[in-house]
C-alpha atoms as a PDB file:
ATOM      1  CA  MET A   1     -11.276  14.709   7.876  1.00  0.00           C
ATOM      2  CA  ALA A   2     -11.895  13.175  11.428  1.00  0.00           C
ATOM      3  CA  VAL A   3     -15.302  11.889  12.287  1.00  0.00           C
ATOM      4  CA  VAL A   4     -14.109  11.026  15.795  1.00  0.00           C
ATOM      5  CA  ARG A   5     -11.709  12.881  17.945  1.00  0.00           C
ATOM      6  CA  VAL A   6     -10.994  12.164  21.716  1.00  0.00           C
ATOM      7  CA  GLU A   7      -8.359  14.291  23.252  1.00  0.00           C
ATOM      8  CA  HIS A   8      -6.787  13.682  26.951  1.00  0.00           C
ATOM      9  CA  ALA A   9      -9.677  11.534  28.140  1.00  0.00           C
ATOM     10  CA  ARG A  10      -9.630  10.382  31.858  1.00  0.00           C
ATOM     11  CA  LYS A  11     -11.625   8.192  33.843  1.00  0.00           C
ATOM     12  CA  SER A  12     -11.323   6.570  37.309  1.00  0.00           C
ATOM     13  CA  PHE A  13     -13.259   3.806  39.043  1.00  0.00           C
ATOM     14  CA  GLY A  14     -12.674   4.362  42.241  1.00  0.00           C
ATOM     15  CA  LYS A  15      -8.727   4.242  42.797  1.00  0.00           C
ATOM     16  CA  THR A  16      -8.392   2.648  39.466  1.00  0.00           C
ATOM     17  CA  GLU A  17      -7.394   4.726  36.886  1.00  0.00           C
ATOM     18  CA  ALA A  18      -8.837   3.244  33.342  1.00  0.00           C
ATOM     19  CA  LEU A  19      -8.125   6.344  31.343  1.00  0.00           C
ATOM     20  CA  VAL A  20      -5.275   8.698  32.382  1.00  0.00           C
ATOM     21  CA  ASP A  21      -4.337  10.904  29.006  1.00  0.00           C
ATOM     22  CA  ALA A  22      -6.029   8.985  26.069  1.00  0.00           C
ATOM     23  CA  SER A  23      -6.309  10.544  22.627  1.00  0.00           C
ATOM     24  CA  LEU A  24      -7.152   9.148  19.382  1.00  0.00           C
ATOM     25  CA  GLU A  25      -8.637  10.365  15.906  1.00  0.00           C
ATOM     26  CA  LEU A  26     -10.816   8.085  13.668  1.00  0.00           C
ATOM     27  CA  ARG A  27     -10.578   9.467   9.802  1.00  0.00           C
ATOM     28  CA  GLU A  28     -13.715   9.239   7.529  1.00  0.00           C
ATOM     29  CA  GLY A  29     -13.826   5.771   5.888  1.00  0.00           C
ATOM     30  CA  GLU A  30     -10.792   4.184   7.622  1.00  0.00           C
ATOM     31  CA  LEU A  31     -10.586   1.399   9.770  1.00  0.00           C
ATOM     32  CA  LEU A  32      -8.726   2.104  12.640  1.00  0.00           C
ATOM     33  CA  GLY A  33      -7.340  -0.485  15.215  1.00  0.00           C
ATOM     34  CA  LEU A  34      -7.306   0.202  18.895  1.00  0.00           C
ATOM     35  CA  LEU A  35      -4.938  -2.046  20.694  1.00  0.00           C
ATOM     36  CA  GLY A  36      -3.374  -2.283  23.990  1.00  0.00           C
ATOM     37  CA  PRO A  37      -2.687  -5.043  26.459  1.00  0.00           C
ATOM     38  CA  ASN A  38      -5.478  -5.923  29.171  1.00  0.00           C
ATOM     39  CA  GLY A  39      -6.367  -3.362  31.230  1.00  0.00           C
ATOM     40  CA  ALA A  40      -5.157  -0.775  29.067  1.00  0.00           C
ATOM     41  CA  GLY A  41      -8.250   1.295  28.974  1.00  0.00           C
ATOM     42  CA  LYS A  42      -9.419  -0.062  25.314  1.00  0.00           C
ATOM     43  CA  THR A  43     -13.150  -1.019  26.589  1.00  0.00           C
ATOM     44  CA  THR A  44     -13.413   2.140  28.895  1.00  0.00           C
ATOM     45  CA  LEU A  45     -12.716   4.175  25.810  1.00  0.00           C
ATOM     46  CA  VAL A  46     -15.373   2.703  23.855  1.00  0.00           C
ATOM     47  CA  ARG A  47     -17.815   2.595  26.506  1.00  0.00           C
ATOM     48  CA  ALA A  48     -17.046   6.422  26.890  1.00  0.00           C
ATOM     49  CA  LEU A  49     -17.813   7.029  23.081  1.00  0.00           C
ATOM     50  CA  ALA A  50     -20.873   4.779  23.171  1.00  0.00           C
ATOM     51  CA  GLY A  51     -22.191   7.037  26.226  1.00  0.00           C
ATOM     52  CA  ARG A  52     -22.236   4.223  28.741  1.00  0.00           C
ATOM     53  CA  VAL A  53     -19.682   5.837  30.897  1.00  0.00           C
ATOM     54  CA  SER A  54     -18.874   9.706  31.710  1.00  0.00           C
ATOM     55  CA  LEU A  55     -15.331  10.608  31.433  1.00  0.00           C
ATOM     56  CA  ASP A  56     -13.921  12.754  34.183  1.00  0.00           C
ATOM     57  CA  GLY A  57     -12.137  15.078  32.220  1.00  0.00           C
ATOM     58  CA  GLY A  58     -10.920  15.410  28.333  1.00  0.00           C
ATOM     59  CA  ALA A  59     -13.012  15.945  25.483  1.00  0.00           C
ATOM     60  CA  MET A  60     -14.762  13.828  22.617  1.00  0.00           C
ATOM     61  CA  GLU A  61     -16.147  14.669  19.356  1.00  0.00           C
ATOM     62  CA  LEU A  62     -18.299  13.262  16.806  1.00  0.00           C
ATOM     63  CA  TYR A  63     -18.016  14.819  13.225  1.00  0.00           C
ATOM     64  CA  GLY A  64     -17.224  17.993  14.816  1.00  0.00           C
ATOM     65  CA  ARG A  65     -19.857  17.920  17.471  1.00  0.00           C
ATOM     66  CA  PRO A  66     -18.895  17.515  21.479  1.00  0.00           C
ATOM     67  CA  LEU A  67     -19.989  14.083  22.869  1.00  0.00           C
ATOM     68  CA  SER A  68     -20.960  14.971  26.509  1.00  0.00           C
ATOM     69  CA  GLY A  69     -21.826  12.427  29.509  1.00  0.00           C
ATOM     70  CA  THR A  70     -24.434   9.462  28.353  1.00  0.00           C
ATOM     71  CA  GLY A  71     -26.341  11.611  25.949  1.00  0.00           C
ATOM     72  CA  ARG A  72     -27.579  10.570  22.463  1.00  0.00           C
ATOM     73  CA  ARG A  73     -25.523   9.383  20.120  1.00  0.00           C
ATOM     74  CA  ASP A  74     -27.043  10.076  16.560  1.00  0.00           C
ATOM     75  CA  GLY A  75     -25.200   8.398  13.780  1.00  0.00           C
ATOM     76  CA  LEU A  76     -23.200   5.957  16.014  1.00  0.00           C
ATOM     77  CA  GLY A  77     -23.498   2.224  16.143  1.00  0.00           C
ATOM     78  CA  ILE A  78     -22.107   0.239  19.188  1.00  0.00           C
ATOM     79  CA  VAL A  79     -21.392  -3.587  18.417  1.00  0.00           C
ATOM     80  CA  PRO A  80     -20.216  -4.770  21.990  1.00  0.00           C
ATOM     81  CA  GLN A  81     -17.756  -7.385  23.285  1.00  0.00           C
ATOM     82  CA  GLU A  82     -20.315  -9.480  24.778  1.00  0.00           C
ATOM     83  CA  ILE A  83     -23.238 -11.237  22.590  1.00  0.00           C
ATOM     84  CA  ALA A  84     -25.974  -8.822  23.084  1.00  0.00           C
ATOM     85  CA  LEU A  85     -28.755 -10.703  21.833  1.00  0.00           C
ATOM     86  CA  TYR A  86     -32.128 -12.273  23.293  1.00  0.00           C
ATOM     87  CA  PRO A  87     -31.447 -16.182  23.319  1.00  0.00           C
ATOM     88  CA  LEU A  88     -35.091 -17.123  23.021  1.00  0.00           C
ATOM     89  CA  LEU A  89     -35.769 -14.902  19.747  1.00  0.00           C
ATOM     90  CA  THR A  90     -35.098 -16.082  16.491  1.00  0.00           C
ATOM     91  CA  ALA A  91     -32.385 -14.231  14.082  1.00  0.00           C
ATOM     92  CA  ARG A  92     -35.218 -12.099  12.312  1.00  0.00           C
ATOM     93  CA  GLU A  93     -36.646 -11.005  15.731  1.00  0.00           C
ATOM     94  CA  ASN A  94     -33.771 -10.166  17.107  1.00  0.00           C
ATOM     95  CA  LEU A  95     -32.873  -7.748  14.189  1.00  0.00           C
ATOM     96  CA  GLU A  96     -36.769  -6.747  14.392  1.00  0.00           C
ATOM     97  CA  ALA A  97     -36.368  -5.807  18.163  1.00  0.00           C
ATOM     98  CA  PHE A  98     -32.645  -3.667  17.699  1.00  0.00           C
ATOM     99  CA  GLY A  99     -33.891  -1.809  14.600  1.00  0.00           C
ATOM    100  CA  SER A 100     -37.215  -0.593  16.542  1.00  0.00           C
ATOM    101  CA  PHE A 101     -34.658   0.355  19.253  1.00  0.00           C
ATOM    102  CA  ASN A 102     -33.191   2.561  16.976  1.00  0.00           C
ATOM    103  CA  GLY A 103     -36.145   4.107  15.588  1.00  0.00           C
ATOM    104  CA  LEU A 104     -36.823   1.824  12.404  1.00  0.00           C
ATOM    105  CA  ARG A 105     -40.506   1.171  11.426  1.00  0.00           C
ATOM    106  CA  GLY A 106     -42.812  -0.345   8.908  1.00  0.00           C
ATOM    107  CA  SER A 107     -41.263  -1.222   5.643  1.00  0.00           C
ATOM    108  CA  ALA A 108     -37.919   0.776   6.490  1.00  0.00           C
ATOM    109  CA  LEU A 109     -37.589  -1.802   9.395  1.00  0.00           C
ATOM    110  CA  ARG A 110     -38.341  -4.896   7.247  1.00  0.00           C
ATOM    111  CA  GLU A 111     -36.163  -3.740   4.188  1.00  0.00           C
ATOM    112  CA  LYS A 112     -33.180  -3.444   6.508  1.00  0.00           C
ATOM    113  CA  VAL A 113     -33.876  -6.835   8.574  1.00  0.00           C
ATOM    114  CA  ASP A 114     -33.887  -8.755   5.195  1.00  0.00           C
ATOM    115  CA  TRP A 115     -30.744  -6.875   4.067  1.00  0.00           C
ATOM    116  CA  ALA A 116     -29.182  -7.692   7.417  1.00  0.00           C
ATOM    117  CA  LEU A 117     -29.970 -11.411   7.130  1.00  0.00           C
ATOM    118  CA  ASP A 118     -28.517 -11.576   3.485  1.00  0.00           C
ATOM    119  CA  TRP A 119     -25.140  -9.789   4.637  1.00  0.00           C
ATOM    120  CA  THR A 120     -24.668 -11.602   7.509  1.00  0.00           C
ATOM    121  CA  GLY A 121     -25.348 -15.398   5.638  1.00  0.00           C
ATOM    122  CA  LEU A 122     -28.154 -15.898   7.932  1.00  0.00           C
ATOM    123  CA  ALA A 123     -31.365 -15.726   5.647  1.00  0.00           C
ATOM    124  CA  GLU A 124     -31.890 -19.630   5.821  1.00  0.00           C
ATOM    125  CA  ARG A 125     -31.725 -19.803   9.574  1.00  0.00           C
ATOM    126  CA  SER A 126     -33.498 -16.498  10.241  1.00  0.00           C
ATOM    127  CA  ARG A 127     -36.777 -18.088  12.030  1.00  0.00           C
ATOM    128  CA  GLU A 128     -34.751 -20.400  14.395  1.00  0.00           C
ATOM    129  CA  PRO A 129     -34.008 -19.442  17.949  1.00  0.00           C
ATOM    130  CA  ILE A 130     -30.469 -18.050  18.164  1.00  0.00           C
ATOM    131  CA  ARG A 131     -29.658 -20.518  21.138  1.00  0.00           C
ATOM    132  CA  ARG A 132     -29.228 -23.235  18.577  1.00  0.00           C
ATOM    133  CA  PHE A 133     -26.603 -20.872  16.401  1.00  0.00           C
ATOM    134  CA  SER A 134     -22.645 -21.363  16.541  1.00  0.00           C
ATOM    135  CA  GLY A 135     -20.391 -18.472  18.188  1.00  0.00           C
ATOM    136  CA  GLY A 136     -19.706 -17.316  14.681  1.00  0.00           C
ATOM    137  CA  MET A 137     -23.354 -17.040  13.625  1.00  0.00           C
ATOM    138  CA  LYS A 138     -23.928 -14.979  16.932  1.00  0.00           C
ATOM    139  CA  ARG A 139     -21.186 -12.636  16.524  1.00  0.00           C
ATOM    140  CA  ARG A 140     -22.138 -11.993  12.841  1.00  0.00           C
ATOM    141  CA  LEU A 141     -25.770 -11.153  14.053  1.00  0.00           C
ATOM    142  CA  ASN A 142     -24.420  -9.164  16.822  1.00  0.00           C
ATOM    143  CA  ILE A 143     -22.818  -7.193  14.350  1.00  0.00           C
ATOM    144  CA  ALA A 144     -25.848  -6.674  12.329  1.00  0.00           C
ATOM    145  CA  CYS A 145     -27.868  -5.589  15.411  1.00  0.00           C
ATOM    146  CA  GLY A 146     -25.630  -2.541  15.961  1.00  0.00           C
ATOM    147  CA  VAL A 147     -25.783  -1.345  12.392  1.00  0.00           C
ATOM    148  CA  LEU A 148     -29.084  -1.752  10.920  1.00  0.00           C
ATOM    149  CA  HIS A 149     -30.031   1.917  11.390  1.00  0.00           C
ATOM    150  CA  ASP A 150     -27.058   2.552   9.027  1.00  0.00           C
ATOM    151  CA  PRO A 151     -24.812   4.729  11.475  1.00  0.00           C
ATOM    152  CA  ARG A 152     -21.830   6.216   9.581  1.00  0.00           C
ATOM    153  CA  VAL A 153     -19.403   5.710  12.872  1.00  0.00           C
ATOM    154  CA  ILE A 154     -19.201   1.956  14.286  1.00  0.00           C
ATOM    155  CA  LEU A 155     -17.468   1.030  17.418  1.00  0.00           C
ATOM    156  CA  LEU A 156     -16.574  -2.492  17.617  1.00  0.00           C
ATOM    157  CA  ASP A 157     -15.080  -3.891  20.766  1.00  0.00           C
ATOM    158  CA  GLU A 158     -13.398  -7.315  19.977  1.00  0.00           C
ATOM    159  CA  PRO A 159     -15.914  -8.518  17.160  1.00  0.00           C
ATOM    160  CA  THR A 160     -14.055 -11.767  16.101  1.00  0.00           C
ATOM    161  CA  VAL A 161     -13.363 -13.067  19.467  1.00  0.00           C
ATOM    162  CA  GLY A 162     -13.682 -16.686  20.183  1.00  0.00           C
ATOM    163  CA  VAL A 163     -14.740 -17.283  16.365  1.00  0.00           C
ATOM    164  CA  ASP A 164     -13.335 -19.933  13.969  1.00  0.00           C
ATOM    165  CA  PRO A 165     -10.874 -18.628  11.221  1.00  0.00           C
ATOM    166  CA  GLN A 166     -14.117 -19.268   8.249  1.00  0.00           C
ATOM    167  CA  SER A 167     -16.283 -17.088  10.642  1.00  0.00           C
ATOM    168  CA  ARG A 168     -13.562 -14.398  11.299  1.00  0.00           C
ATOM    169  CA  GLU A 169     -13.089 -14.000   7.742  1.00  0.00           C
ATOM    170  CA  ARG A 170     -16.754 -13.608   6.768  1.00  0.00           C
ATOM    171  CA  ILE A 171     -16.968 -10.941   9.448  1.00  0.00           C
ATOM    172  CA  TYR A 172     -14.010  -8.973   7.745  1.00  0.00           C
ATOM    173  CA  GLU A 173     -15.757  -9.403   4.489  1.00  0.00           C
ATOM    174  CA  MET A 174     -18.892  -7.775   6.208  1.00  0.00           C
ATOM    175  CA  LEU A 175     -16.823  -4.860   7.706  1.00  0.00           C
ATOM    176  CA  ASP A 176     -15.307  -4.265   4.309  1.00  0.00           C
ATOM    177  CA  ARG A 177     -18.874  -4.099   2.711  1.00  0.00           C
ATOM    178  CA  LEU A 178     -19.992  -1.308   5.643  1.00  0.00           C
ATOM    179  CA  ARG A 179     -16.851   0.663   4.378  1.00  0.00           C
ATOM    180  CA  ALA A 180     -17.532   0.542   0.823  1.00  0.00           C
ATOM    181  CA  GLY A 181     -20.738   1.924   1.695  1.00  0.00           C
ATOM    182  CA  GLY A 182     -18.842   4.937   3.533  1.00  0.00           C
ATOM    183  CA  ALA A 183     -19.087   3.629   6.923  1.00  0.00           C
ATOM    184  CA  SER A 184     -15.736   4.411   9.422  1.00  0.00           C
ATOM    185  CA  LEU A 185     -14.876   1.935  11.700  1.00  0.00           C
ATOM    186  CA  LEU A 186     -13.076   1.677  15.179  1.00  0.00           C
ATOM    187  CA  LEU A 187     -11.958  -1.912  15.912  1.00  0.00           C
ATOM    188  CA  THR A 188     -10.495  -2.924  19.311  1.00  0.00           C
ATOM    189  CA  THR A 189      -8.608  -6.589  19.081  1.00  0.00           C
ATOM    190  CA  HIS A 190      -5.759  -8.628  20.482  1.00  0.00           C
ATOM    191  CA  GLN A 191      -5.198 -10.235  17.187  1.00  0.00           C
ATOM    192  CA  LEU A 192      -2.496  -8.324  15.905  1.00  0.00           C
ATOM    193  CA  GLU A 193      -2.121 -10.359  12.660  1.00  0.00           C
ATOM    194  CA  GLU A 194      -5.493  -9.134  11.719  1.00  0.00           C
ATOM    195  CA  ALA A 195      -5.068  -5.848  12.718  1.00  0.00           C
ATOM    196  CA  GLU A 196      -1.674  -5.368  10.688  1.00  0.00           C
ATOM    197  CA  ALA A 197      -3.484  -6.835   7.685  1.00  0.00           C
ATOM    198  CA  ARG A 198      -6.832  -5.025   7.912  1.00  0.00           C
ATOM    199  CA  CYS A 199      -6.289  -1.444   9.456  1.00  0.00           C
ATOM    200  CA  GLU A 200      -4.660   1.653   7.691  1.00  0.00           C
ATOM    201  CA  ARG A 201      -4.068   3.035  11.082  1.00  0.00           C
ATOM    202  CA  ILE A 202      -3.137   1.575  14.709  1.00  0.00           C
ATOM    203  CA  THR A 203      -3.532   3.409  17.883  1.00  0.00           C
ATOM    204  CA  ILE A 204      -2.070   1.709  21.042  1.00  0.00           C
ATOM    205  CA  LEU A 205      -3.177   2.414  24.339  1.00  0.00           C
ATOM    206  CA  ASP A 206      -1.340   1.375  27.624  1.00  0.00           C
ATOM    207  CA  HIS A 207      -2.163   2.045  31.477  1.00  0.00           C
ATOM    208  CA  GLY A 208      -4.893   4.357  30.229  1.00  0.00           C
ATOM    209  CA  ARG A 209      -2.630   6.220  27.758  1.00  0.00           C
ATOM    210  CA  GLY A 210      -2.374   7.110  24.333  1.00  0.00           C
ATOM    211  CA  ILE A 211       1.429   5.891  23.586  1.00  0.00           C
ATOM    212  CA  GLU A 212       1.473   5.788  19.895  1.00  0.00           C
ATOM    213  CA  SER A 213      -0.752   6.447  16.615  1.00  0.00           C
ATOM    214  CA  GLY A 214      -0.100   5.933  13.059  1.00  0.00           C
ATOM    215  CA  THR A 215       0.325   3.381  10.131  1.00  0.00           C
ATOM    216  CA  LEU A 216       2.579   0.182  10.675  1.00  0.00           C
ATOM    217  CA  ALA A 217       5.467   1.830   8.994  1.00  0.00           C
ATOM    218  CA  GLU A 218       5.146   4.942  10.591  1.00  0.00           C
ATOM    219  CA  LEU A 219       5.135   2.895  13.935  1.00  0.00           C
ATOM    220  CA  VAL A 220       7.996   0.767  13.099  1.00  0.00           C
ATOM    221  CA  ALA A 221      10.110   3.793  11.779  1.00  0.00           C
ATOM    222  CA  ARG A 222       9.687   5.444  15.380  1.00  0.00           C
ATOM    223  CA  THR A 223       9.956   2.195  17.420  1.00  0.00           C
ATOM    224  CA  VAL A 224      11.632  -0.957  16.332  1.00  0.00           C
ATOM    225  CA  GLY A 225      13.252   0.432  13.029  1.00  0.00           C
ATOM    226  CA  PRO A 226      13.061  -1.180   9.571  1.00  0.00           C
ATOM    227  CA  ALA A 227      15.833  -3.821   9.849  1.00  0.00           C
ATOM    228  CA  ARG A 228      14.443  -7.549   8.878  1.00  0.00           C
ATOM    229  CA  VAL A 229      14.473 -10.092  11.622  1.00  0.00           C
ATOM    230  CA  VAL A 230      16.314 -13.358  10.268  1.00  0.00           C
ATOM    231  CA  THR A 231      15.770 -16.857  12.153  1.00  0.00           C
ATOM    232  CA  LEU A 232      18.212 -19.631  11.202  1.00  0.00           C
ATOM    233  CA  ARG A 233      17.588 -23.169  11.990  1.00  0.00           C
ATOM    234  CA  LEU A 234      20.993 -25.079  12.196  1.00  0.00           C
ATOM    235  CA  ASP A 235      22.025 -28.457  12.021  1.00  0.00           C
ATOM    236  CA  ARG A 236      23.672 -28.091  15.259  1.00  0.00           C
ATOM    237  CA  ALA A 237      24.633 -25.381  17.796  1.00  0.00           C
ATOM    238  CA  PRO A 238      27.765 -23.692  16.989  1.00  0.00           C
ATOM    239  CA  ALA A 239      30.866 -24.363  19.387  1.00  0.00           C
ATOM    240  CA  ARG A 240      31.346 -20.628  19.455  1.00  0.00           C
ATOM    241  CA  PRO A 241      28.718 -17.521  19.277  1.00  0.00           C
ATOM    242  CA  ILE A 242      28.198 -16.292  15.552  1.00  0.00           C
ATOM    243  CA  GLU A 243      28.339 -12.625  15.238  1.00  0.00           C
ATOM    244  CA  GLY A 244      24.948 -10.956  14.893  1.00  0.00           C
ATOM    245  CA  LEU A 245      22.838 -14.156  15.914  1.00  0.00           C
ATOM    246  CA  ALA A 246      21.585 -14.574  19.422  1.00  0.00           C
ATOM    247  CA  ALA A 247      19.983 -18.272  20.643  1.00  0.00           C
ATOM    248  CA  THR A 248      16.125 -18.914  21.229  1.00  0.00           C
ATOM    249  CA  ASP A 249      14.361 -21.232  23.301  1.00  0.00           C
ATOM    250  CA  GLU A 250      14.461 -23.694  20.075  1.00  0.00           C
ATOM    251  CA  PRO A 251      17.291 -26.066  19.636  1.00  0.00           C
ATOM    252  CA  ALA A 252      19.813 -24.817  17.339  1.00  0.00           C
ATOM    253  CA  THR A 253      17.581 -22.032  16.345  1.00  0.00           C
ATOM    254  CA  PHE A 254      19.113 -18.365  16.146  1.00  0.00           C
ATOM    255  CA  ARG A 255      17.992 -14.981  15.500  1.00  0.00           C
ATOM    256  CA  GLY A 256      19.214 -11.811  14.153  1.00  0.00           C
ATOM    257  CA  GLN A 257      18.683  -8.479  12.340  1.00  0.00           C
ATOM    258  CA  VAL A 258      20.123  -7.270   8.639  1.00  0.00           C
ATOM    259  CA  GLY A 259      19.507  -4.130   7.507  1.00  0.00           C
ATOM    260  CA  ASN A 260      20.535  -4.577   3.869  1.00  0.00           C
ATOM    261  CA  VAL A 261      18.827  -8.027   2.964  1.00  0.00           C
ATOM    262  CA  ASP A 262      21.530  -8.565  -0.151  1.00  0.00           C
ATOM    263  CA  ALA A 263      24.560  -7.791   1.327  1.00  0.00           C
ATOM    264  CA  ASP A 264      23.805  -8.132   5.117  1.00  0.00           C
ATOM    265  CA  LEU A 265      22.092 -11.753   4.682  1.00  0.00           C
ATOM    266  CA  ALA A 266      24.948 -13.070   2.578  1.00  0.00           C
ATOM    267  CA  ALA A 267      27.903 -11.976   5.187  1.00  0.00           C
ATOM    268  CA  LEU A 268      25.535 -13.296   8.223  1.00  0.00           C
ATOM    269  CA  LEU A 269      25.312 -16.983   6.238  1.00  0.00           C
ATOM    270  CA  ALA A 270      29.043 -16.813   5.422  1.00  0.00           C
ATOM    271  CA  ARG A 271      29.713 -16.568   9.246  1.00  0.00           C
ATOM    272  CA  VAL A 272      27.255 -19.414   9.925  1.00  0.00           C
ATOM    273  CA  GLY A 273      29.444 -21.595   7.487  1.00  0.00           C
ATOM    274  CA  ALA A 274      32.563 -20.439   8.613  1.00  0.00           C
ATOM    275  CA  ALA A 275      31.691 -21.891  12.129  1.00  0.00           C
ATOM    276  CA  GLY A 276      30.784 -25.290  10.427  1.00  0.00           C
ATOM    277  CA  CYS A 277      27.090 -25.209  10.435  1.00  0.00           C
ATOM    278  CA  VAL A 278      24.702 -25.924   7.705  1.00  0.00           C
ATOM    279  CA  VAL A 279      21.694 -23.953   7.772  1.00  0.00           C
ATOM    280  CA  ARG A 280      18.395 -26.312   7.788  1.00  0.00           C
ATOM    281  CA  ASP A 281      15.717 -23.743   7.406  1.00  0.00           C
ATOM    282  CA  LEU A 282      15.695 -19.697   6.779  1.00  0.00           C
ATOM    283  CA  GLU A 283      13.338 -16.944   7.490  1.00  0.00           C
ATOM    284  CA  VAL A 284      13.260 -13.202   6.885  1.00  0.00           C
ATOM    285  CA  ARG A 285      10.456 -11.132   8.160  1.00  0.00           C
ATOM    286  CA  HIS A 286       9.859  -7.591   7.978  1.00  0.00           C
ATOM    287  CA  PRO A 287       9.341  -5.915  11.475  1.00  0.00           C
ATOM    288  CA  SER A 288       5.880  -6.786  12.356  1.00  0.00           C
ATOM    289  CA  LEU A 289       2.921  -5.025  14.491  1.00  0.00           C
ATOM    290  CA  GLN A 290       3.666  -7.607  16.935  1.00  0.00           C
ATOM    291  CA  SER A 291       7.256  -6.427  17.500  1.00  0.00           C
ATOM    292  CA  VAL A 292       6.154  -2.751  17.659  1.00  0.00           C
ATOM    293  CA  PHE A 293       3.481  -3.544  20.187  1.00  0.00           C
ATOM    294  CA  LEU A 294       6.035  -5.686  22.620  1.00  0.00           C
ATOM    295  CA  HIS A 295       8.394  -2.691  22.136  1.00  0.00           C
ATOM    296  CA  LEU A 296       5.894  -0.385  23.232  1.00  0.00           C
ATOM    297  CA  THR A 297       4.354  -2.337  26.055  1.00  0.00           C
ATOM    298  CA  GLY A 298       6.714  -4.700  27.195  1.00  0.00           C
ATOM    299  CA  ARG A 299       6.711  -8.572  27.505  1.00  0.00           C
ATOM    300  CA  GLU A 300       5.143  -8.741  30.923  1.00  0.00           C
ATOM    301  CA  LEU A 301       2.062 -10.859  31.389  1.00  0.00           C
ATOM    302  CA  ARG A 302      -0.951  -8.979  32.022  1.00  0.00           C
ATOM    303  CA  GLU A 303      -3.612 -10.967  33.733  1.00  0.00           C
END
């Protein structure tokens, strides 16, 4: 079941086309990764779903109900990329404020605030002004403020940006607990390895268009193919090119592809030996999300 559906979304800011023909589908209970280079339209699409900008065209649905303009979004939680907290207030006071903004009152508000402080690991720091908090602590609190009202669909725009690996791992543990409780999550990120490891499906935007969507296996099959990438570091550069290997930017390091690891890798190593070279290191990798992403969006630097 699709809990969020976007079809052919269009949005321009003056002469800049942020969304040209963007579509996506978030299914019940899943973690969907929304990827794209800088300026691809990810944040604009999230803001349209959140009701912060109005589309120029296309359609959006939440649980089958049309979402129009900047109207109410009952059942939706939003975690922005920016830290949207009050720096002079404590963690508890921030949670109380955002909980009240979302309609929580009395004992229900107190219970949810206590839950959020435990969930984020901030209970012992709950009465400190958050200006003293680390970046990871602020990120966790930022997420809690966006989900305090138990939304069933949650939009997360770069929730792990600028945090250390330990904080990133804690944030994903928090998100796992939300999903275990039945929430569906749409996550934008530039961390491709995280998206590959964590997301069931991926949607890739570029230049405001949805260019591919599916599981990693589906994306690989439709783009770079299933061949493994082999990287070899040799004792020296060969006198002549070795069939199936191309030089990299690193000294005496070469890269190629193999379809059948057993047969093709053995043949490749035999050619290396015949060239009089010794293998110092070897790595075989399955096609990654990064290879798919670069195949679809190119290697051009986006500023």
